[in-house]
Amino acid sequence: MRAQHSPVSTGLFNSAVIRQYSAGRLSADEYPQPCRGPTMHPTFTQRRAILDGLRERTRQATADFYQKPNVIAPPLAPRFIVKPTGSNTFEVIERATGRIITERFGHNNATAHARELEAKKDQFDVKQFGRFLRDWALRISVILTIFAFFGSHV
């Protein structure tokens, strides 16, 4: 009985195996099976595991270092990226979403606009103040409701 998958369809192009399979001399269990996924030499696997452990220890040590007093963390990556698109035009792209904000002519104009947008994001605007006030009003109203409920049962 022939196998469901031939050596050719599984990627084994050894001519001797294909001839024996075609002639019916190999059964389904006898012809070589292809690898099912990436396999590595054990030393490579061991080295990779060691390096992953060292990377994790490095991340933890860095986080612990910046938790110490009087140690200033490095600045965060910029929120906006300036990307050239050709013929002296540049796109200002929001890094978090990948969305194109604007397109400017000239590198100086594009970088100045990106700095301007960065400064605007850091300001505490009216919308943020409204959300802050709303959140605190909701918290206080929930606490007062709980006190009124338990106070009426005493």
N, C-alpha and C. Protein backbone atom coordinates (compact mmCIF):
# COMPACT_ATOMS: atom_id res chain seq x y z
N MET A 1 0.85 -1.19 0.00
CA MET A 1 0.00 0.00 0.00
C MET A 1 0.88 1.24 0.00
N ARG A 2 0.56 2.21 -0.80
CA ARG A 2 1.37 3.42 -0.91
C ARG A 2 0.97 4.43 0.17
N ALA A 3 1.94 5.27 0.51
CA ALA A 3 1.69 6.31 1.52
C ALA A 3 0.81 7.40 0.95
N GLN A 4 0.23 8.15 1.82
CA GLN A 4 -0.64 9.24 1.39
C GLN A 4 0.17 10.36 0.76
N HIS A 5 1.40 10.58 1.25
CA HIS A 5 2.25 11.65 0.73
C HIS A 5 3.45 11.02 0.05
N SER A 6 3.73 11.39 -1.17
CA SER A 6 4.88 10.86 -1.88
C SER A 6 6.13 11.59 -1.43
N PRO A 7 7.32 11.02 -1.69
CA PRO A 7 8.56 11.71 -1.33
C PRO A 7 8.68 13.05 -2.03
N VAL A 8 8.14 13.16 -3.24
CA VAL A 8 8.23 14.42 -3.97
C VAL A 8 7.39 15.49 -3.28
N SER A 9 6.18 15.14 -2.83
CA SER A 9 5.31 16.14 -2.22
C SER A 9 5.80 16.56 -0.84
N THR A 10 6.60 15.71 -0.19
CA THR A 10 7.11 16.09 1.13
C THR A 10 8.45 16.80 1.04
N GLY A 11 9.00 16.96 -0.14
CA GLY A 11 10.24 17.70 -0.29
C GLY A 11 11.48 16.83 -0.31
N LEU A 12 11.34 15.51 -0.35
CA LEU A 12 12.51 14.63 -0.43
C LEU A 12 12.76 14.31 -1.91
N PHE A 13 13.80 14.88 -2.48
CA PHE A 13 14.05 14.72 -3.90
C PHE A 13 15.23 13.80 -4.17
N ASN A 14 15.47 12.84 -3.30
CA ASN A 14 16.52 11.86 -3.51
C ASN A 14 16.03 10.90 -4.60
N SER A 15 16.75 10.82 -5.70
CA SER A 15 16.26 10.06 -6.85
C SER A 15 16.14 8.57 -6.55
N ALA A 16 17.05 8.03 -5.72
CA ALA A 16 16.98 6.60 -5.41
C ALA A 16 15.73 6.29 -4.61
N VAL A 17 15.40 7.14 -3.67
CA VAL A 17 14.19 6.94 -2.85
C VAL A 17 12.95 7.06 -3.72
N ILE A 18 12.94 8.02 -4.63
CA ILE A 18 11.78 8.22 -5.50
C ILE A 18 11.59 7.01 -6.42
N ARG A 19 12.68 6.47 -6.96
CA ARG A 19 12.57 5.30 -7.83
C ARG A 19 12.04 4.08 -7.07
N GLN A 20 12.55 3.87 -5.86
CA GLN A 20 12.09 2.71 -5.08
C GLN A 20 10.62 2.89 -4.68
N TYR A 21 10.23 4.13 -4.33
CA TYR A 21 8.85 4.38 -3.94
C TYR A 21 7.92 4.17 -5.13
N SER A 22 8.34 4.67 -6.30
CA SER A 22 7.52 4.53 -7.51
C SER A 22 7.36 3.08 -7.91
N ALA A 23 8.39 2.28 -7.71
CA ALA A 23 8.33 0.87 -8.10
C ALA A 23 7.54 0.05 -7.09
N GLY A 24 7.19 0.64 -5.97
CA GLY A 24 6.41 -0.08 -4.97
C GLY A 24 7.25 -0.89 -4.01
N ARG A 25 8.58 -0.67 -4.02
CA ARG A 25 9.46 -1.43 -3.12
C ARG A 25 9.52 -0.83 -1.72
N LEU A 26 9.11 0.40 -1.56
CA LEU A 26 9.10 1.03 -0.23
C LEU A 26 7.66 1.17 0.24
N SER A 27 7.42 0.82 1.48
CA SER A 27 6.08 1.02 2.03
C SER A 27 6.00 2.42 2.64
N ALA A 28 4.88 2.74 3.19
CA ALA A 28 4.67 4.08 3.76
C ALA A 28 5.59 4.33 4.94
N ASP A 29 5.93 3.29 5.68
CA ASP A 29 6.76 3.48 6.87
C ASP A 29 8.25 3.45 6.56
N GLU A 30 8.64 3.00 5.37
CA GLU A 30 10.06 2.80 5.08
C GLU A 30 10.76 4.01 4.46
N TYR A 31 10.01 4.87 3.73
CA TYR A 31 10.76 5.97 3.12
C TYR A 31 10.98 7.07 4.15
N PRO A 32 12.09 7.79 4.01
CA PRO A 32 12.47 8.76 5.04
C PRO A 32 11.45 9.88 5.17
N GLN A 33 11.18 10.26 6.41
CA GLN A 33 10.24 11.34 6.69
C GLN A 33 10.99 12.67 6.75
N PRO A 34 10.40 13.74 6.27
CA PRO A 34 11.04 15.05 6.38
C PRO A 34 11.00 15.53 7.83
N CYS A 35 11.88 16.44 8.15
CA CYS A 35 11.90 17.01 9.50
C CYS A 35 10.63 17.79 9.76
N ARG A 36 10.08 17.66 10.93
CA ARG A 36 8.86 18.38 11.30
C ARG A 36 9.23 19.59 12.14
N GLY A 37 9.73 20.62 11.52
CA GLY A 37 10.10 21.82 12.26
C GLY A 37 11.60 21.94 12.36
N PRO A 38 12.04 23.09 12.84
CA PRO A 38 13.48 23.32 12.90
C PRO A 38 14.13 22.49 14.00
N THR A 39 15.19 21.80 13.64
CA THR A 39 15.95 21.05 14.63
C THR A 39 17.36 21.62 14.65
N MET A 40 17.94 21.70 15.83
CA MET A 40 19.28 22.23 15.98
C MET A 40 20.15 21.20 16.67
N HIS A 41 21.41 21.38 16.49
CA HIS A 41 22.37 20.55 17.20
C HIS A 41 22.25 20.84 18.69
N PRO A 42 22.40 19.84 19.55
CA PRO A 42 22.22 20.08 20.99
C PRO A 42 23.12 21.17 21.56
N THR A 43 24.32 21.34 21.03
CA THR A 43 25.19 22.39 21.56
C THR A 43 24.66 23.77 21.22
N PHE A 44 24.06 23.90 20.00
CA PHE A 44 23.45 25.19 19.65
C PHE A 44 22.26 25.48 20.53
N THR A 45 21.44 24.48 20.79
CA THR A 45 20.28 24.64 21.66
C THR A 45 20.72 25.04 23.07
N GLN A 46 21.76 24.39 23.56
CA GLN A 46 22.26 24.71 24.90
C GLN A 46 22.82 26.12 24.94
N ARG A 47 23.58 26.51 23.92
CA ARG A 47 24.14 27.85 23.89
C ARG A 47 23.04 28.90 23.82
N ARG A 48 22.01 28.62 23.03
CA ARG A 48 20.89 29.55 22.92
C ARG A 48 20.17 29.71 24.25
N ALA A 49 19.98 28.62 24.98
CA ALA A 49 19.34 28.69 26.29
C ALA A 49 20.19 29.50 27.27
N ILE A 50 21.49 29.31 27.22
CA ILE A 50 22.38 30.08 28.11
C ILE A 50 22.31 31.56 27.78
N LEU A 51 22.34 31.91 26.49
CA LEU A 51 22.28 33.32 26.09
C LEU A 51 20.94 33.95 26.46
N ASP A 52 19.84 33.20 26.32
CA ASP A 52 18.54 33.72 26.73
C ASP A 52 18.51 34.01 28.23
N GLY A 53 19.10 33.11 29.02
CA GLY A 53 19.18 33.35 30.46
C GLY A 53 20.01 34.57 30.80
N LEU A 54 21.14 34.75 30.09
CA LEU A 54 21.98 35.93 30.33
C LEU A 54 21.27 37.22 29.93
N ARG A 55 20.51 37.18 28.83
CA ARG A 55 19.76 38.37 28.42
C ARG A 55 18.72 38.74 29.48
N GLU A 56 18.04 37.74 30.02
CA GLU A 56 17.04 38.00 31.06
C GLU A 56 17.68 38.59 32.31
N ARG A 57 18.84 38.05 32.70
CA ARG A 57 19.56 38.59 33.87
C ARG A 57 20.00 40.02 33.62
N THR A 58 20.42 40.33 32.38
CA THR A 58 20.82 41.69 32.03
C THR A 58 19.63 42.65 32.14
N ARG A 59 18.48 42.24 31.62
CA ARG A 59 17.28 43.08 31.72
C ARG A 59 16.91 43.35 33.17
N GLN A 60 16.97 42.30 34.00
CA GLN A 60 16.62 42.45 35.41
C GLN A 60 17.62 43.36 36.12
N ALA A 61 18.92 43.21 35.84
CA ALA A 61 19.93 44.05 36.47
C ALA A 61 19.76 45.51 36.05
N THR A 62 19.43 45.74 34.79
CA THR A 62 19.21 47.11 34.32
C THR A 62 18.00 47.73 35.01
N ALA A 63 16.92 46.96 35.14
CA ALA A 63 15.73 47.47 35.83
C ALA A 63 16.04 47.77 37.29
N ASP A 64 16.79 46.90 37.95
CA ASP A 64 17.17 47.13 39.35
C ASP A 64 18.05 48.36 39.48
N PHE A 65 18.95 48.58 38.52
CA PHE A 65 19.85 49.72 38.58
C PHE A 65 19.08 51.03 38.51
N TYR A 66 18.09 51.12 37.61
CA TYR A 66 17.33 52.37 37.47
C TYR A 66 16.33 52.58 38.59
N GLN A 67 16.13 51.59 39.46
CA GLN A 67 15.26 51.76 40.63
C GLN A 67 16.00 52.42 41.78
N LYS A 68 17.33 52.49 41.70
CA LYS A 68 18.12 53.08 42.78
C LYS A 68 17.90 54.59 42.82
N PRO A 69 18.03 55.19 44.02
CA PRO A 69 17.87 56.65 44.11
C PRO A 69 19.02 57.37 43.41
N ASN A 70 18.75 58.56 42.93
CA ASN A 70 19.70 59.44 42.24
C ASN A 70 20.25 58.85 40.94
N VAL A 71 19.55 57.92 40.34
CA VAL A 71 19.93 57.39 39.03
C VAL A 71 18.84 57.78 38.05
N ILE A 72 19.23 58.49 37.03
CA ILE A 72 18.26 58.98 36.05
C ILE A 72 18.20 57.99 34.89
N ALA A 73 17.00 57.57 34.55
CA ALA A 73 16.80 56.63 33.45
C ALA A 73 17.05 57.35 32.12
N PRO A 74 17.47 56.63 31.08
CA PRO A 74 17.68 57.27 29.78
C PRO A 74 16.35 57.75 29.21
N PRO A 75 16.40 58.76 28.35
CA PRO A 75 15.14 59.27 27.78
C PRO A 75 14.46 58.21 26.93
N LEU A 76 13.15 58.31 26.86
CA LEU A 76 12.37 57.38 26.05
C LEU A 76 12.56 57.68 24.57
N ALA A 77 12.24 56.74 23.75
CA ALA A 77 12.34 56.92 22.30
C ALA A 77 11.33 57.99 21.88
N PRO A 78 11.63 58.72 20.82
CA PRO A 78 10.70 59.77 20.38
C PRO A 78 9.36 59.20 19.95
N ARG A 79 8.33 59.99 20.13
CA ARG A 79 6.98 59.53 19.76
C ARG A 79 6.74 59.64 18.26
N PHE A 80 7.45 60.54 17.61
CA PHE A 80 7.24 60.78 16.19
C PHE A 80 8.54 60.55 15.43
N ILE A 81 8.44 59.94 14.26
CA ILE A 81 9.57 59.63 13.41
C ILE A 81 9.43 60.42 12.12
N VAL A 82 10.54 60.95 11.63
CA VAL A 82 10.55 61.65 10.35
C VAL A 82 11.16 60.69 9.33
N LYS A 83 10.39 60.40 8.28
CA LYS A 83 10.81 59.41 7.28
C LYS A 83 10.83 60.08 5.90
N PRO A 84 11.94 59.99 5.17
CA PRO A 84 11.97 60.58 3.82
C PRO A 84 11.13 59.77 2.84
N THR A 85 10.41 60.48 1.96
CA THR A 85 9.59 59.81 0.95
C THR A 85 10.05 60.13 -0.46
N GLY A 86 11.03 61.00 -0.61
CA GLY A 86 11.54 61.32 -1.94
C GLY A 86 11.22 62.74 -2.34
N SER A 87 12.01 63.29 -3.24
CA SER A 87 11.93 64.68 -3.72
C SER A 87 11.74 65.68 -2.60
N ASN A 88 12.57 65.59 -1.61
CA ASN A 88 12.62 66.54 -0.50
C ASN A 88 11.32 66.60 0.29
N THR A 89 10.56 65.52 0.31
CA THR A 89 9.36 65.44 1.16
C THR A 89 9.61 64.42 2.26
N PHE A 90 9.04 64.69 3.41
CA PHE A 90 9.23 63.85 4.58
C PHE A 90 7.89 63.64 5.27
N GLU A 91 7.67 62.42 5.74
CA GLU A 91 6.46 62.10 6.49
C GLU A 91 6.78 62.10 7.98
N VAL A 92 5.87 62.66 8.77
CA VAL A 92 5.97 62.58 10.22
C VAL A 92 5.03 61.46 10.64
N ILE A 93 5.62 60.40 11.22
CA ILE A 93 4.87 59.18 11.56
C ILE A 93 4.83 59.00 13.06
N GLU A 94 3.64 58.68 13.59
CA GLU A 94 3.51 58.38 15.01
C GLU A 94 4.07 56.97 15.23
N ARG A 95 5.03 56.86 16.12
CA ARG A 95 5.76 55.61 16.29
C ARG A 95 4.89 54.49 16.86
N ALA A 96 4.01 54.80 17.80
CA ALA A 96 3.20 53.77 18.46
C ALA A 96 2.23 53.10 17.50
N THR A 97 1.60 53.88 16.62
CA THR A 97 0.57 53.32 15.74
C THR A 97 1.03 53.14 14.31
N GLY A 98 2.11 53.80 13.90
CA GLY A 98 2.56 53.73 12.53
C GLY A 98 1.75 54.59 11.59
N ARG A 99 0.91 55.45 12.15
CA ARG A 99 0.03 56.31 11.36
C ARG A 99 0.79 57.54 10.87
N ILE A 100 0.57 57.92 9.63
CA ILE A 100 1.21 59.12 9.08
C ILE A 100 0.44 60.34 9.58
N ILE A 101 1.14 61.24 10.25
CA ILE A 101 0.50 62.45 10.79
C ILE A 101 0.45 63.53 9.72
N THR A 102 1.60 63.91 9.19
CA THR A 102 1.66 64.94 8.16
C THR A 102 2.78 64.62 7.19
N GLU A 103 2.79 65.38 6.09
CA GLU A 103 3.89 65.31 5.14
C GLU A 103 4.41 66.73 4.96
N ARG A 104 5.71 66.90 5.10
CA ARG A 104 6.33 68.23 5.03
C ARG A 104 7.41 68.25 3.97
N PHE A 105 7.64 69.44 3.42
CA PHE A 105 8.73 69.64 2.47
C PHE A 105 9.93 70.15 3.24
N GLY A 106 11.06 69.50 3.08
CA GLY A 106 12.29 69.90 3.74
C GLY A 106 12.46 69.19 5.07
N HIS A 107 13.68 68.75 5.32
CA HIS A 107 13.96 68.02 6.56
C HIS A 107 13.81 68.90 7.79
N ASN A 108 14.26 70.15 7.71
CA ASN A 108 14.14 71.05 8.86
C ASN A 108 12.69 71.30 9.24
N ASN A 109 11.82 71.48 8.24
CA ASN A 109 10.39 71.70 8.54
C ASN A 109 9.78 70.46 9.19
N ALA A 110 10.12 69.28 8.68
CA ALA A 110 9.56 68.04 9.21
C ALA A 110 10.02 67.79 10.65
N THR A 111 11.32 67.98 10.91
CA THR A 111 11.81 67.74 12.28
C THR A 111 11.27 68.79 13.24
N ALA A 112 11.14 70.04 12.79
CA ALA A 112 10.56 71.08 13.65
C ALA A 112 9.12 70.74 13.99
N HIS A 113 8.37 70.25 13.01
CA HIS A 113 6.97 69.88 13.27
C HIS A 113 6.89 68.69 14.22
N ALA A 114 7.81 67.72 14.06
CA ALA A 114 7.82 66.56 14.97
C ALA A 114 8.13 67.01 16.40
N ARG A 115 9.08 67.95 16.57
CA ARG A 115 9.38 68.47 17.91
C ARG A 115 8.19 69.21 18.49
N GLU A 116 7.49 69.95 17.65
CA GLU A 116 6.29 70.68 18.08
C GLU A 116 5.20 69.71 18.56
N LEU A 117 4.99 68.66 17.80
CA LEU A 117 3.99 67.66 18.19
C LEU A 117 4.40 66.97 19.49
N GLU A 118 5.69 66.71 19.65
CA GLU A 118 6.21 66.09 20.87
C GLU A 118 5.93 66.99 22.08
N ALA A 119 6.15 68.28 21.92
CA ALA A 119 5.90 69.22 23.02
C ALA A 119 4.42 69.31 23.34
N LYS A 120 3.57 69.24 22.30
CA LYS A 120 2.13 69.30 22.54
C LYS A 120 1.64 68.09 23.33
N LYS A 121 2.22 66.91 23.05
CA LYS A 121 1.80 65.70 23.74
C LYS A 121 2.13 65.76 25.23
N ASP A 122 3.20 66.48 25.58
CA ASP A 122 3.62 66.54 26.98
C ASP A 122 2.81 67.53 27.80
N GLN A 123 2.06 68.43 27.14
CA GLN A 123 1.28 69.43 27.88
C GLN A 123 0.05 68.80 28.50
N PHE A 124 -0.36 69.37 29.63
CA PHE A 124 -1.58 68.92 30.31
C PHE A 124 -2.72 69.77 29.77
N ASP A 125 -3.50 69.23 28.84
CA ASP A 125 -4.53 70.02 28.18
C ASP A 125 -5.88 69.87 28.87
N VAL A 126 -6.89 70.55 28.32
CA VAL A 126 -8.21 70.60 28.92
C VAL A 126 -8.87 69.22 28.94
N LYS A 127 -8.67 68.43 27.89
CA LYS A 127 -9.28 67.09 27.85
C LYS A 127 -8.72 66.20 28.96
N GLN A 128 -7.41 66.26 29.17
CA GLN A 128 -6.81 65.47 30.24
C GLN A 128 -7.32 65.93 31.60
N PHE A 129 -7.47 67.23 31.78
CA PHE A 129 -7.99 67.75 33.04
C PHE A 129 -9.43 67.29 33.24
N GLY A 130 -10.23 67.30 32.19
CA GLY A 130 -11.62 66.86 32.29
C GLY A 130 -11.71 65.39 32.67
N ARG A 131 -10.88 64.55 32.05
CA ARG A 131 -10.87 63.13 32.41
C ARG A 131 -10.44 62.92 33.85
N PHE A 132 -9.42 63.64 34.26
CA PHE A 132 -8.93 63.55 35.63
C PHE A 132 -10.03 63.92 36.62
N LEU A 133 -10.73 65.02 36.36
CA LEU A 133 -11.80 65.48 37.24
C LEU A 133 -12.97 64.49 37.25
N ARG A 134 -13.32 63.97 36.08
CA ARG A 134 -14.42 63.00 35.99
C ARG A 134 -14.11 61.73 36.78
N ASP A 135 -12.87 61.22 36.64
CA ASP A 135 -12.49 60.01 37.35
C ASP A 135 -12.56 60.19 38.86
N TRP A 136 -12.06 61.32 39.36
CA TRP A 136 -12.11 61.56 40.79
C TRP A 136 -13.54 61.76 41.28
N ALA A 137 -14.38 62.43 40.47
CA ALA A 137 -15.79 62.62 40.86
C ALA A 137 -16.50 61.27 40.95
N LEU A 138 -16.21 60.37 40.01
CA LEU A 138 -16.83 59.04 40.06
C LEU A 138 -16.36 58.26 41.28
N ARG A 139 -15.09 58.34 41.59
CA ARG A 139 -14.57 57.63 42.76
C ARG A 139 -15.21 58.14 44.05
N ILE A 140 -15.28 59.44 44.18
CA ILE A 140 -15.87 60.02 45.40
C ILE A 140 -17.34 59.67 45.49
N SER A 141 -18.08 59.70 44.38
CA SER A 141 -19.50 59.37 44.42
C SER A 141 -19.72 57.91 44.78
N VAL A 142 -18.88 57.02 44.32
CA VAL A 142 -19.00 55.60 44.68
C VAL A 142 -18.75 55.42 46.17
N ILE A 143 -17.73 56.08 46.69
CA ILE A 143 -17.43 55.97 48.13
C ILE A 143 -18.58 56.52 48.98
N LEU A 144 -19.13 57.67 48.59
CA LEU A 144 -20.26 58.24 49.33
C LEU A 144 -21.48 57.34 49.26
N THR A 145 -21.72 56.72 48.11
CA THR A 145 -22.85 55.80 47.97
C THR A 145 -22.68 54.61 48.89
N ILE A 146 -21.48 54.07 48.97
CA ILE A 146 -21.22 52.92 49.85
C ILE A 146 -21.43 53.32 51.31
N PHE A 147 -20.91 54.48 51.71
CA PHE A 147 -21.11 54.94 53.09
C PHE A 147 -22.59 55.16 53.40
N ALA A 148 -23.34 55.74 52.44
CA ALA A 148 -24.77 55.98 52.66
C ALA A 148 -25.51 54.66 52.78
N PHE A 149 -25.16 53.67 51.98
CA PHE A 149 -25.83 52.39 52.02
C PHE A 149 -25.59 51.69 53.36
N PHE A 150 -24.32 51.63 53.79
CA PHE A 150 -24.01 50.97 55.04
C PHE A 150 -24.45 51.80 56.25
N GLY A 151 -24.49 53.12 56.11
CA GLY A 151 -24.92 53.97 57.21
C GLY A 151 -26.42 53.87 57.47
N SER A 152 -27.21 53.58 56.44
CA SER A 152 -28.66 53.49 56.61
C SER A 152 -29.06 52.18 57.28
N HIS A 153 -28.18 51.18 57.29
CA HIS A 153 -28.49 49.90 57.90
C HIS A 153 -28.01 49.79 59.34
N VAL A 154 -27.44 50.83 59.87
CA VAL A 154 -26.91 50.74 61.23
C VAL A 154 -27.98 51.02 62.24
